[in-house]
N, C-alpha and C. Protein backbone atom coordinates (compact mmCIF):
# COMPACT_ATOMS: atom_id res chain seq x y z
N MET A 1 0.99 -1.07 0.25
CA MET A 1 -0.22 -0.09 0.06
C MET A 1 1.02 1.19 -0.08
N GLU A 2 0.49 2.01 -0.83
CA GLU A 2 1.21 3.42 -1.01
C GLU A 2 0.73 4.58 0.06
N THR A 3 1.56 5.28 0.47
CA THR A 3 0.96 6.58 1.13
C THR A 3 1.64 7.54 0.60
N SER A 4 0.82 8.67 0.55
CA SER A 4 1.53 10.02 -0.14
C SER A 4 1.67 10.70 0.71
N THR A 5 3.02 11.68 0.72
CA THR A 5 3.02 12.83 1.74
C THR A 5 2.76 13.97 1.11
N PRO A 6 2.36 14.94 2.19
CA PRO A 6 1.95 16.21 1.35
C PRO A 6 3.60 16.81 0.67
N SER A 7 3.28 17.43 -0.25
CA SER A 7 4.75 18.10 -0.95
C SER A 7 4.93 19.33 -0.37
N SER A 8 6.05 19.49 -0.16
CA SER A 8 6.68 20.49 0.60
C SER A 8 7.22 21.55 -0.43
N ASN A 9 6.34 21.96 -1.58
CA ASN A 9 6.67 22.74 -2.91
C ASN A 9 6.26 24.23 -2.07
N PRO A 10 7.26 24.90 -2.08
CA PRO A 10 7.23 26.44 -1.70
C PRO A 10 5.78 27.40 -2.22
N SER A 11 5.41 28.14 -1.91
CA SER A 11 4.70 28.74 -2.91
C SER A 11 5.50 29.86 -3.75
N PRO A 12 5.43 30.10 -5.01
CA PRO A 12 5.85 30.75 -5.77
C PRO A 12 5.86 31.98 -5.52
N SER A 13 7.22 32.83 -5.70
CA SER A 13 7.10 34.43 -5.40
C SER A 13 6.45 35.04 -6.41
N PRO A 14 5.90 36.06 -6.12
CA PRO A 14 5.10 37.06 -7.30
C PRO A 14 6.11 37.23 -8.38
N THR A 15 5.46 37.23 -9.60
CA THR A 15 6.24 37.68 -10.50
C THR A 15 6.38 39.24 -10.76
N PRO A 16 7.71 39.62 -11.32
CA PRO A 16 7.76 41.07 -11.14
C PRO A 16 6.92 41.50 -12.18
N VAL A 17 6.19 42.58 -12.54
CA VAL A 17 5.55 43.42 -13.60
C VAL A 17 6.29 43.58 -14.33
N GLU A 18 5.66 43.47 -15.51
CA GLU A 18 6.30 44.21 -16.91
C GLU A 18 5.56 45.07 -17.18
N TYR A 19 6.17 46.74 -17.31
CA TYR A 19 5.42 47.60 -17.72
C TYR A 19 5.97 47.91 -19.37
N HIS A 20 4.94 48.75 -19.64
CA HIS A 20 5.69 49.30 -21.16
C HIS A 20 6.28 50.33 -20.85
N GLU A 21 7.29 50.75 -21.88
CA GLU A 21 8.34 51.60 -21.98
C GLU A 21 7.35 53.09 -21.72
N PRO A 22 7.81 53.95 -20.67
CA PRO A 22 7.27 55.08 -20.86
C PRO A 22 7.87 56.07 -21.92
N PRO A 23 7.18 57.01 -22.14
CA PRO A 23 7.85 57.71 -23.22
C PRO A 23 8.99 58.68 -22.78
N ASP A 24 9.89 58.77 -23.60
CA ASP A 24 11.08 59.75 -23.30
C ASP A 24 10.51 61.27 -23.09
N GLU A 25 9.51 61.82 -23.54
CA GLU A 25 8.90 62.98 -23.40
C GLU A 25 7.57 63.04 -23.48
N PHE A 26 6.58 63.68 -22.56
CA PHE A 26 5.12 64.05 -22.55
C PHE A 26 4.80 65.23 -22.22
N VAL A 27 3.57 65.79 -22.51
CA VAL A 27 3.13 66.95 -22.07
C VAL A 27 1.81 66.59 -21.38
N GLN A 28 1.79 67.27 -20.20
CA GLN A 28 0.49 67.57 -19.38
C GLN A 28 0.10 68.70 -18.64
N ASP A 29 -1.03 69.21 -18.95
CA ASP A 29 -1.65 70.48 -18.45
C ASP A 29 -0.56 71.68 -19.05
N ARG A 30 -0.02 71.35 -20.38
CA ARG A 30 0.78 72.38 -20.84
C ARG A 30 2.08 72.31 -20.21
N ILE A 31 2.64 71.60 -19.67
CA ILE A 31 3.83 71.21 -19.33
C ILE A 31 4.47 70.11 -19.79
N THR A 32 5.85 70.29 -20.28
CA THR A 32 6.75 69.51 -20.81
C THR A 32 7.20 68.57 -19.59
N TYR A 33 7.32 67.32 -19.67
CA TYR A 33 8.29 66.54 -18.70
C TYR A 33 9.06 65.33 -19.66
N VAL A 34 10.70 65.40 -19.27
CA VAL A 34 11.40 64.70 -20.02
C VAL A 34 12.23 63.49 -19.14
N LYS A 35 12.06 62.52 -19.69
CA LYS A 35 12.59 61.70 -18.85
C LYS A 35 14.07 61.46 -18.36
N ARG A 36 14.24 61.63 -17.15
CA ARG A 36 15.61 61.77 -16.57
C ARG A 36 16.53 60.73 -16.83
N ALA A 37 16.18 59.37 -17.25
CA ALA A 37 17.23 58.64 -17.82
C ALA A 37 17.65 59.19 -19.26
N SER A 38 16.89 59.76 -20.22
CA SER A 38 17.23 60.03 -21.48
C SER A 38 18.24 61.14 -21.33
N ILE A 39 18.10 62.20 -20.18
CA ILE A 39 19.01 63.27 -20.16
C ILE A 39 20.23 62.95 -19.19
N ALA A 40 20.24 61.86 -18.44
CA ALA A 40 21.04 62.17 -17.17
C ALA A 40 22.51 61.51 -17.67
N LYS A 41 23.46 61.86 -16.95
CA LYS A 41 24.91 61.70 -17.10
C LYS A 41 24.82 60.19 -16.45
N LYS A 42 26.04 59.47 -17.36
CA LYS A 42 25.93 58.17 -16.74
C LYS A 42 26.58 58.38 -15.28
N GLY A 43 26.14 57.01 -14.83
CA GLY A 43 26.67 57.05 -13.23
C GLY A 43 25.40 57.52 -12.30
N HIS A 44 24.20 58.13 -12.83
CA HIS A 44 23.38 58.35 -11.89
C HIS A 44 22.34 57.07 -11.75
N ARG A 45 21.93 56.97 -10.36
CA ARG A 45 21.40 55.72 -10.26
C ARG A 45 20.22 56.04 -9.11
N LEU A 46 19.27 55.18 -9.09
CA LEU A 46 17.94 55.68 -8.22
C LEU A 46 18.39 54.86 -6.92
N GLY A 47 17.54 55.24 -6.20
CA GLY A 47 17.92 54.71 -4.68
C GLY A 47 17.22 53.30 -4.63
N SER A 48 17.16 52.75 -3.37
CA SER A 48 16.85 51.32 -3.40
C SER A 48 15.42 51.09 -2.88
N SER A 49 14.73 52.14 -2.86
CA SER A 49 13.60 52.03 -2.37
C SER A 49 12.65 51.26 -3.35
N HIS A 50 11.37 50.61 -3.07
CA HIS A 50 10.74 49.84 -3.90
C HIS A 50 9.95 50.38 -4.84
N ILE A 51 9.77 51.85 -4.74
CA ILE A 51 9.19 52.63 -5.22
C ILE A 51 9.26 52.78 -6.79
N TRP A 52 10.86 52.48 -7.06
CA TRP A 52 11.39 52.55 -8.24
C TRP A 52 10.93 51.37 -9.33
N LYS A 53 10.16 50.25 -8.51
CA LYS A 53 9.81 49.19 -9.24
C LYS A 53 8.63 49.38 -10.01
N TYR A 54 7.92 50.48 -9.83
CA TYR A 54 6.36 51.07 -9.86
C TYR A 54 6.68 52.46 -10.70
N GLY A 55 7.57 53.13 -10.92
CA GLY A 55 7.91 54.23 -11.71
C GLY A 55 9.28 54.53 -12.03
N VAL A 56 9.26 55.80 -12.87
CA VAL A 56 10.51 56.76 -13.04
C VAL A 56 10.52 58.10 -12.69
N GLN A 57 11.78 58.44 -12.97
CA GLN A 57 11.84 60.00 -12.79
C GLN A 57 11.63 60.62 -14.32
N TYR A 58 11.12 61.97 -14.22
CA TYR A 58 10.96 62.99 -15.11
C TYR A 58 11.38 64.18 -14.92
N ILE A 59 11.77 65.04 -15.60
CA ILE A 59 12.51 66.25 -15.30
C ILE A 59 11.32 67.27 -15.87
N ARG A 60 10.35 68.15 -15.00
CA ARG A 60 9.66 69.08 -15.40
C ARG A 60 10.22 70.36 -16.06
N SER A 61 9.48 70.50 -17.15
CA SER A 61 10.76 71.78 -17.81
C SER A 61 10.41 72.92 -17.23
N SER A 62 9.00 73.32 -16.61
CA SER A 62 9.01 74.87 -15.97
C SER A 62 9.87 75.26 -15.11
N ASP A 63 10.20 73.87 -14.31
CA ASP A 63 11.04 74.34 -13.08
C ASP A 63 12.32 73.81 -12.70
N LYS A 64 12.45 72.45 -13.50
CA LYS A 64 13.66 71.50 -13.88
C LYS A 64 13.57 70.79 -12.52
N LYS A 65 12.24 70.62 -11.71
CA LYS A 65 12.21 70.04 -10.64
C LYS A 65 12.20 68.07 -11.07
N GLU A 66 12.31 67.14 -10.33
CA GLU A 66 12.34 65.72 -10.60
C GLU A 66 11.09 65.16 -10.12
N VAL A 67 10.40 64.65 -10.90
CA VAL A 67 8.93 64.12 -10.49
C VAL A 67 8.95 62.71 -10.46
N TYR A 68 8.02 62.02 -9.87
CA TYR A 68 7.79 60.67 -10.10
C TYR A 68 6.58 60.40 -11.03
N TYR A 69 6.83 59.45 -12.21
CA TYR A 69 5.80 59.32 -12.94
C TYR A 69 5.59 57.48 -12.63
N CYS A 70 4.15 57.50 -12.36
CA CYS A 70 3.87 55.92 -11.93
C CYS A 70 3.41 54.97 -12.96
N HIS A 71 3.98 53.85 -13.01
CA HIS A 71 3.55 53.09 -14.16
C HIS A 71 2.25 52.45 -14.18
N GLU A 72 1.72 52.32 -12.94
CA GLU A 72 0.57 51.89 -12.49
C GLU A 72 -0.83 52.76 -13.04
N CYS A 73 -0.27 54.06 -12.96
CA CYS A 73 -1.23 54.74 -13.20
C CYS A 73 -1.15 55.05 -14.80
N ALA A 74 -0.11 54.89 -15.24
CA ALA A 74 -0.17 54.90 -16.94
C ALA A 74 -0.87 53.56 -17.44
N THR A 75 -0.59 52.36 -16.77
CA THR A 75 -1.07 51.58 -17.35
C THR A 75 -2.91 51.20 -17.23
N ARG A 76 -3.12 52.03 -15.74
CA ARG A 76 -4.70 51.82 -15.79
C ARG A 76 -5.25 53.39 -16.25
N LYS A 77 -4.53 53.94 -17.16
CA LYS A 77 -5.02 55.07 -18.08
C LYS A 77 -5.57 56.32 -17.04
N HIS A 78 -4.88 56.40 -15.75
CA HIS A 78 -5.11 57.30 -14.86
C HIS A 78 -4.30 58.63 -15.30
N LYS A 79 -4.94 59.93 -14.61
CA LYS A 79 -3.97 60.97 -14.73
C LYS A 79 -2.68 60.89 -13.70
N GLN A 80 -1.53 60.96 -14.54
CA GLN A 80 -0.17 61.02 -13.59
C GLN A 80 -0.47 62.42 -12.54
N GLU A 81 -0.13 62.02 -11.36
CA GLU A 81 0.03 62.81 -10.22
C GLU A 81 1.35 63.82 -10.14
N LEU A 82 2.48 63.01 -10.77
CA LEU A 82 3.81 63.56 -10.86
C LEU A 82 4.08 64.33 -9.80
N PHE A 83 4.42 63.38 -8.31
CA PHE A 83 4.78 63.94 -7.32
C PHE A 83 6.29 64.44 -7.60
N VAL A 84 6.59 65.55 -6.79
CA VAL A 84 7.93 66.27 -6.82
C VAL A 84 8.68 65.24 -5.97
N ILE A 85 10.04 64.75 -6.22
CA ILE A 85 10.43 64.02 -5.87
C ILE A 85 11.34 64.49 -4.66
N ASN A 86 10.89 64.35 -3.46
CA ASN A 86 11.74 64.83 -2.14
C ASN A 86 11.38 63.97 -0.73
N GLY A 87 12.22 62.81 -1.06
CA GLY A 87 12.10 61.61 -0.18
C GLY A 87 10.82 60.86 -1.01
N THR A 88 10.42 59.56 -0.23
CA THR A 88 9.74 58.77 -0.80
C THR A 88 8.19 58.43 -0.04
N SER A 89 8.04 59.26 0.88
CA SER A 89 6.67 59.02 1.37
C SER A 89 5.58 59.21 0.84
N ARG A 90 5.57 60.45 -0.01
CA ARG A 90 4.24 60.59 -0.95
C ARG A 90 3.98 59.54 -1.79
N VAL A 91 5.09 59.20 -2.47
CA VAL A 91 5.27 58.05 -3.61
C VAL A 91 4.59 57.04 -2.90
N ARG A 92 5.25 56.51 -1.68
CA ARG A 92 4.96 55.18 -1.32
C ARG A 92 3.38 55.19 -0.64
N ASN A 93 2.72 56.33 -0.21
CA ASN A 93 1.58 56.40 0.23
C ASN A 93 0.43 56.61 -1.11
N HIS A 94 1.02 57.04 -2.22
CA HIS A 94 0.35 56.94 -3.20
C HIS A 94 0.06 55.35 -3.65
N LEU A 95 1.32 54.92 -3.91
CA LEU A 95 1.28 53.25 -4.48
C LEU A 95 0.40 52.41 -3.59
N GLU A 96 0.49 52.71 -2.08
CA GLU A 96 -0.45 51.73 -1.06
C GLU A 96 -2.01 52.02 -0.99
N GLN A 97 -2.23 53.51 -1.31
CA GLN A 97 -3.73 53.95 -1.32
C GLN A 97 -4.07 53.68 -2.70
N LYS A 98 -3.84 54.25 -3.44
CA LYS A 98 -4.61 54.06 -4.97
C LYS A 98 -4.20 52.68 -5.63
N HIS A 99 -3.08 52.23 -5.45
CA HIS A 99 -2.86 50.70 -6.33
C HIS A 99 -2.31 49.61 -5.40
N GLN A 100 -2.42 49.74 -4.02
CA GLN A 100 -2.76 48.72 -3.04
C GLN A 100 -1.37 47.97 -3.26
N VAL A 101 -0.23 48.60 -3.56
CA VAL A 101 0.77 48.20 -3.33
C VAL A 101 1.54 48.01 -1.79
N ASP A 102 1.69 46.60 -1.66
CA ASP A 102 2.23 46.29 0.05
C ASP A 102 3.47 46.54 0.01
N PRO A 103 3.88 47.65 0.96
CA PRO A 103 5.29 48.09 1.27
C PRO A 103 6.17 46.93 1.86
N GLN A 104 5.57 46.13 2.40
CA GLN A 104 6.17 44.88 3.02
C GLN A 104 6.65 43.93 1.87
N SER A 105 5.85 43.59 1.31
CA SER A 105 6.13 42.29 0.18
C SER A 105 6.59 42.96 -1.14
N GLN A 106 6.23 44.40 -1.44
CA GLN A 106 6.28 45.12 -2.52
C GLN A 106 5.78 44.38 -3.62
N THR A 107 4.69 43.92 -3.53
CA THR A 107 3.99 43.67 -4.46
C THR A 107 2.39 44.45 -4.48
N CYS A 108 1.85 44.51 -5.83
CA CYS A 108 0.57 44.87 -6.36
C CYS A 108 -0.49 44.23 -5.71
N LEU A 109 -1.36 44.51 -4.88
CA LEU A 109 -2.54 43.27 -4.51
C LEU A 109 -3.59 43.60 -5.54
N SER A 110 -3.79 44.67 -6.05
CA SER A 110 -4.94 44.83 -7.38
C SER A 110 -4.80 44.44 -8.63
């Protein structure tokens, strides 16, 4: 008589989300935004925060401030909020509240 033992297969980790490549430049509310990576000097790198899995930096032409472009908003066809990058708390709150991104597991729950 054969007995089976429960398999000890670990649950798979979530697959990273693949987003469409954002435009090098776009206009919103009559202001032009240029992707930072397209004009950045070599050697500039993003921080280690999980927010960079869900967005990229743009430069706002009107005042040269760096802003956060959200891939989730683009995918869902929401208007970009374009937070000025000054720490990560506003972006983290946006990702948690609007897109249910869990900061612990760093995965999108919606």
